[in-house]
Amino acid sequence: MAGSNHGHTPAAWTGVTIAIIGFCVSGAFMVMANPLGFWAGLVVVALGGVVGMAMSAAGLGKPKAAAPRTHQVASASAEG
């Protein structure tokens, strides 16, 4: 998996870090039986996804794959 460079970008790290914080907040408020805090934590989780996509769009994510090139091979004519 490390060879594919999957998620090794500032956009991915930032988005996942924000989402983990949101899950922790949501989990803590769920244990405390506070529905408003629980939903606020889920909003933070969604914010992590938005921030990650925005950073990726700003060029801090994995570069898009280039379109495949098609090479036209010219056939050599055999002149003798």
N, C-alpha and C. Protein backbone atom coordinates (compact mmCIF):
# COMPACT_ATOMS: atom_id res chain seq x y z
N MET A 1 0.82 -1.19 0.00
CA MET A 1 0.00 0.00 0.00
C MET A 1 0.86 1.25 0.00
N ALA A 2 2.01 1.22 0.64
CA ALA A 2 2.84 2.41 0.69
C ALA A 2 3.39 2.75 -0.69
N GLY A 3 3.51 1.75 -1.55
CA GLY A 3 4.04 2.00 -2.88
C GLY A 3 3.09 2.77 -3.78
N SER A 4 1.81 2.77 -3.44
CA SER A 4 0.83 3.46 -4.28
C SER A 4 0.66 4.92 -3.90
N ASN A 5 1.34 5.38 -2.84
CA ASN A 5 1.24 6.76 -2.37
C ASN A 5 -0.20 7.11 -2.01
N HIS A 6 -0.92 6.17 -1.48
CA HIS A 6 -2.34 6.36 -1.14
C HIS A 6 -2.47 7.17 0.14
N GLY A 7 -2.93 8.40 0.00
CA GLY A 7 -3.22 9.21 1.17
C GLY A 7 -2.04 9.91 1.82
N HIS A 8 -0.88 9.88 1.20
CA HIS A 8 0.29 10.52 1.78
C HIS A 8 0.40 11.95 1.29
N THR A 9 -0.63 12.75 1.53
CA THR A 9 -0.65 14.14 1.09
C THR A 9 -1.14 15.02 2.23
N PRO A 10 -0.80 16.30 2.22
CA PRO A 10 -1.30 17.19 3.26
C PRO A 10 -2.83 17.24 3.31
N ALA A 11 -3.48 17.17 2.15
CA ALA A 11 -4.95 17.20 2.11
C ALA A 11 -5.53 15.99 2.83
N ALA A 12 -4.98 14.83 2.59
CA ALA A 12 -5.48 13.61 3.22
C ALA A 12 -5.24 13.63 4.73
N TRP A 13 -4.04 13.99 5.13
CA TRP A 13 -3.72 14.03 6.56
C TRP A 13 -4.61 15.02 7.30
N THR A 14 -4.81 16.19 6.73
CA THR A 14 -5.63 17.21 7.39
C THR A 14 -7.09 16.78 7.48
N GLY A 15 -7.64 16.27 6.38
CA GLY A 15 -9.03 15.82 6.38
C GLY A 15 -9.28 14.70 7.36
N VAL A 16 -8.38 13.74 7.41
CA VAL A 16 -8.56 12.60 8.32
C VAL A 16 -8.38 13.04 9.77
N THR A 17 -7.44 13.94 10.03
CA THR A 17 -7.24 14.42 11.40
C THR A 17 -8.48 15.15 11.91
N ILE A 18 -9.06 16.00 11.08
CA ILE A 18 -10.28 16.71 11.48
C ILE A 18 -11.42 15.71 11.70
N ALA A 19 -11.54 14.72 10.83
CA ALA A 19 -12.60 13.72 10.97
C ALA A 19 -12.43 12.91 12.25
N ILE A 20 -11.20 12.55 12.60
CA ILE A 20 -10.96 11.79 13.83
C ILE A 20 -11.34 12.62 15.05
N ILE A 21 -11.00 13.90 15.03
CA ILE A 21 -11.39 14.78 16.13
C ILE A 21 -12.91 14.83 16.24
N GLY A 22 -13.59 14.92 15.10
CA GLY A 22 -15.05 14.93 15.11
C GLY A 22 -15.64 13.65 15.67
N PHE A 23 -15.06 12.49 15.31
CA PHE A 23 -15.54 11.23 15.86
C PHE A 23 -15.35 11.18 17.37
N CYS A 24 -14.21 11.69 17.85
CA CYS A 24 -13.96 11.70 19.29
C CYS A 24 -14.95 12.60 20.02
N VAL A 25 -15.21 13.77 19.46
CA VAL A 25 -16.17 14.69 20.06
C VAL A 25 -17.56 14.06 20.07
N SER A 26 -17.94 13.48 18.95
CA SER A 26 -19.25 12.86 18.85
C SER A 26 -19.39 11.69 19.82
N GLY A 27 -18.36 10.88 19.93
CA GLY A 27 -18.39 9.75 20.85
C GLY A 27 -18.48 10.19 22.30
N ALA A 28 -17.74 11.23 22.66
CA ALA A 28 -17.78 11.71 24.04
C ALA A 28 -19.16 12.24 24.39
N PHE A 29 -19.76 13.00 23.48
CA PHE A 29 -21.09 13.54 23.77
C PHE A 29 -22.15 12.45 23.72
N MET A 30 -21.93 11.39 22.98
CA MET A 30 -22.89 10.29 22.97
C MET A 30 -22.89 9.60 24.34
N VAL A 31 -21.71 9.41 24.91
CA VAL A 31 -21.61 8.80 26.23
C VAL A 31 -22.24 9.70 27.29
N MET A 32 -22.11 11.02 27.11
CA MET A 32 -22.69 11.97 28.06
C MET A 32 -24.17 12.22 27.81
N ALA A 33 -24.74 11.53 26.83
CA ALA A 33 -26.17 11.65 26.49
C ALA A 33 -26.54 13.09 26.15
N ASN A 34 -25.71 13.72 25.32
CA ASN A 34 -25.96 15.08 24.90
C ASN A 34 -26.13 15.08 23.37
N PRO A 35 -27.37 15.05 22.88
CA PRO A 35 -27.59 14.94 21.44
C PRO A 35 -27.03 16.11 20.63
N LEU A 36 -27.09 17.31 21.18
CA LEU A 36 -26.59 18.48 20.45
C LEU A 36 -25.08 18.36 20.21
N GLY A 37 -24.35 17.96 21.22
CA GLY A 37 -22.91 17.77 21.07
C GLY A 37 -22.58 16.64 20.12
N PHE A 38 -23.38 15.57 20.16
CA PHE A 38 -23.20 14.44 19.24
C PHE A 38 -23.30 14.91 17.79
N TRP A 39 -24.36 15.67 17.49
CA TRP A 39 -24.55 16.14 16.12
C TRP A 39 -23.49 17.17 15.73
N ALA A 40 -23.04 17.96 16.69
CA ALA A 40 -21.95 18.91 16.42
C ALA A 40 -20.68 18.15 16.04
N GLY A 41 -20.43 17.03 16.69
CA GLY A 41 -19.27 16.20 16.34
C GLY A 41 -19.38 15.64 14.94
N LEU A 42 -20.58 15.25 14.55
CA LEU A 42 -20.77 14.73 13.19
C LEU A 42 -20.60 15.84 12.15
N VAL A 43 -20.96 17.07 12.52
CA VAL A 43 -20.72 18.20 11.61
C VAL A 43 -19.22 18.39 11.42
N VAL A 44 -18.44 18.22 12.49
CA VAL A 44 -16.98 18.33 12.39
C VAL A 44 -16.43 17.23 11.49
N VAL A 45 -17.00 16.01 11.57
CA VAL A 45 -16.58 14.93 10.68
C VAL A 45 -16.80 15.32 9.22
N ALA A 46 -17.98 15.85 8.92
CA ALA A 46 -18.27 16.28 7.55
C ALA A 46 -17.35 17.42 7.13
N LEU A 47 -17.03 18.31 8.06
CA LEU A 47 -16.13 19.42 7.78
C LEU A 47 -14.75 18.90 7.39
N GLY A 48 -14.33 17.80 8.01
CA GLY A 48 -13.04 17.19 7.64
C GLY A 48 -13.02 16.76 6.19
N GLY A 49 -14.12 16.19 5.72
CA GLY A 49 -14.20 15.79 4.31
C GLY A 49 -14.18 16.99 3.38
N VAL A 50 -14.88 18.04 3.76
CA VAL A 50 -14.91 19.25 2.93
C VAL A 50 -13.53 19.90 2.87
N VAL A 51 -12.87 19.98 4.02
CA VAL A 51 -11.54 20.59 4.06
C VAL A 51 -10.56 19.76 3.22
N GLY A 52 -10.63 18.44 3.33
CA GLY A 52 -9.75 17.58 2.54
C GLY A 52 -9.96 17.76 1.05
N MET A 53 -11.23 17.83 0.62
CA MET A 53 -11.50 18.02 -0.80
C MET A 53 -11.08 19.40 -1.27
N ALA A 54 -11.26 20.42 -0.42
CA ALA A 54 -10.86 21.77 -0.80
C ALA A 54 -9.34 21.87 -0.93
N MET A 55 -8.62 21.24 -0.01
CA MET A 55 -7.16 21.26 -0.09
C MET A 55 -6.67 20.49 -1.30
N SER A 56 -7.34 19.39 -1.61
CA SER A 56 -6.98 18.62 -2.80
C SER A 56 -7.21 19.42 -4.07
N ALA A 57 -8.31 20.16 -4.11
CA ALA A 57 -8.60 21.01 -5.26
C ALA A 57 -7.59 22.15 -5.37
N ALA A 58 -7.02 22.57 -4.24
CA ALA A 58 -6.04 23.65 -4.24
C ALA A 58 -4.64 23.15 -4.61
N GLY A 59 -4.52 21.85 -4.88
CA GLY A 59 -3.23 21.32 -5.32
C GLY A 59 -2.42 20.63 -4.25
N LEU A 60 -2.99 20.42 -3.08
CA LEU A 60 -2.26 19.77 -2.00
C LEU A 60 -2.58 18.29 -1.88
N GLY A 61 -3.32 17.76 -2.83
CA GLY A 61 -3.67 16.34 -2.82
C GLY A 61 -2.85 15.57 -3.83
N LYS A 62 -3.27 14.36 -4.06
CA LYS A 62 -2.58 13.51 -5.03
C LYS A 62 -2.85 14.05 -6.43
N PRO A 63 -1.81 14.18 -7.25
CA PRO A 63 -2.04 14.71 -8.60
C PRO A 63 -2.92 13.78 -9.42
N LYS A 64 -3.72 14.38 -10.28
CA LYS A 64 -4.58 13.60 -11.15
C LYS A 64 -3.73 12.82 -12.15
N ALA A 65 -4.20 11.65 -12.49
CA ALA A 65 -3.48 10.83 -13.46
C ALA A 65 -3.61 11.47 -14.84
N ALA A 66 -2.52 11.50 -15.55
CA ALA A 66 -2.54 12.07 -16.89
C ALA A 66 -3.27 11.13 -17.83
N ALA A 67 -3.84 11.70 -18.86
CA ALA A 67 -4.53 10.89 -19.86
C ALA A 67 -3.52 9.96 -20.53
N PRO A 68 -3.92 8.73 -20.80
CA PRO A 68 -2.97 7.80 -21.43
C PRO A 68 -2.56 8.29 -22.81
N ARG A 69 -1.28 8.17 -23.08
CA ARG A 69 -0.78 8.60 -24.38
C ARG A 69 -0.89 7.45 -25.36
N THR A 70 -1.24 7.79 -26.55
CA THR A 70 -1.27 6.78 -27.60
C THR A 70 -0.17 7.13 -28.58
N HIS A 71 0.71 6.20 -28.78
CA HIS A 71 1.82 6.43 -29.68
C HIS A 71 1.49 5.85 -31.04
N GLN A 72 1.65 6.64 -32.06
CA GLN A 72 1.48 6.18 -33.42
C GLN A 72 2.84 5.73 -33.92
N VAL A 73 2.95 4.47 -34.19
CA VAL A 73 4.21 3.95 -34.70
C VAL A 73 4.15 3.95 -36.21
N ALA A 74 5.06 4.69 -36.80
CA ALA A 74 5.10 4.74 -38.26
C ALA A 74 5.76 3.46 -38.76
N SER A 75 5.12 2.82 -39.68
CA SER A 75 5.70 1.60 -40.21
C SER A 75 6.77 1.95 -41.23
N ALA A 76 7.88 1.31 -41.09
CA ALA A 76 9.00 1.56 -42.00
C ALA A 76 8.77 0.73 -43.26
N SER A 77 8.86 1.39 -44.36
CA SER A 77 8.68 0.64 -45.61
C SER A 77 10.02 0.04 -46.03
N ALA A 78 9.95 -1.17 -46.43
CA ALA A 78 11.19 -1.88 -46.84
C ALA A 78 11.45 -1.58 -48.31
N GLU A 79 12.41 -0.72 -48.53
CA GLU A 79 12.77 -0.41 -49.92
C GLU A 79 14.08 -1.14 -50.22
N GLY A 80 14.10 -1.83 -51.27
CA GLY A 80 15.27 -2.63 -51.53
C GLY A 80 15.89 -2.43 -52.79
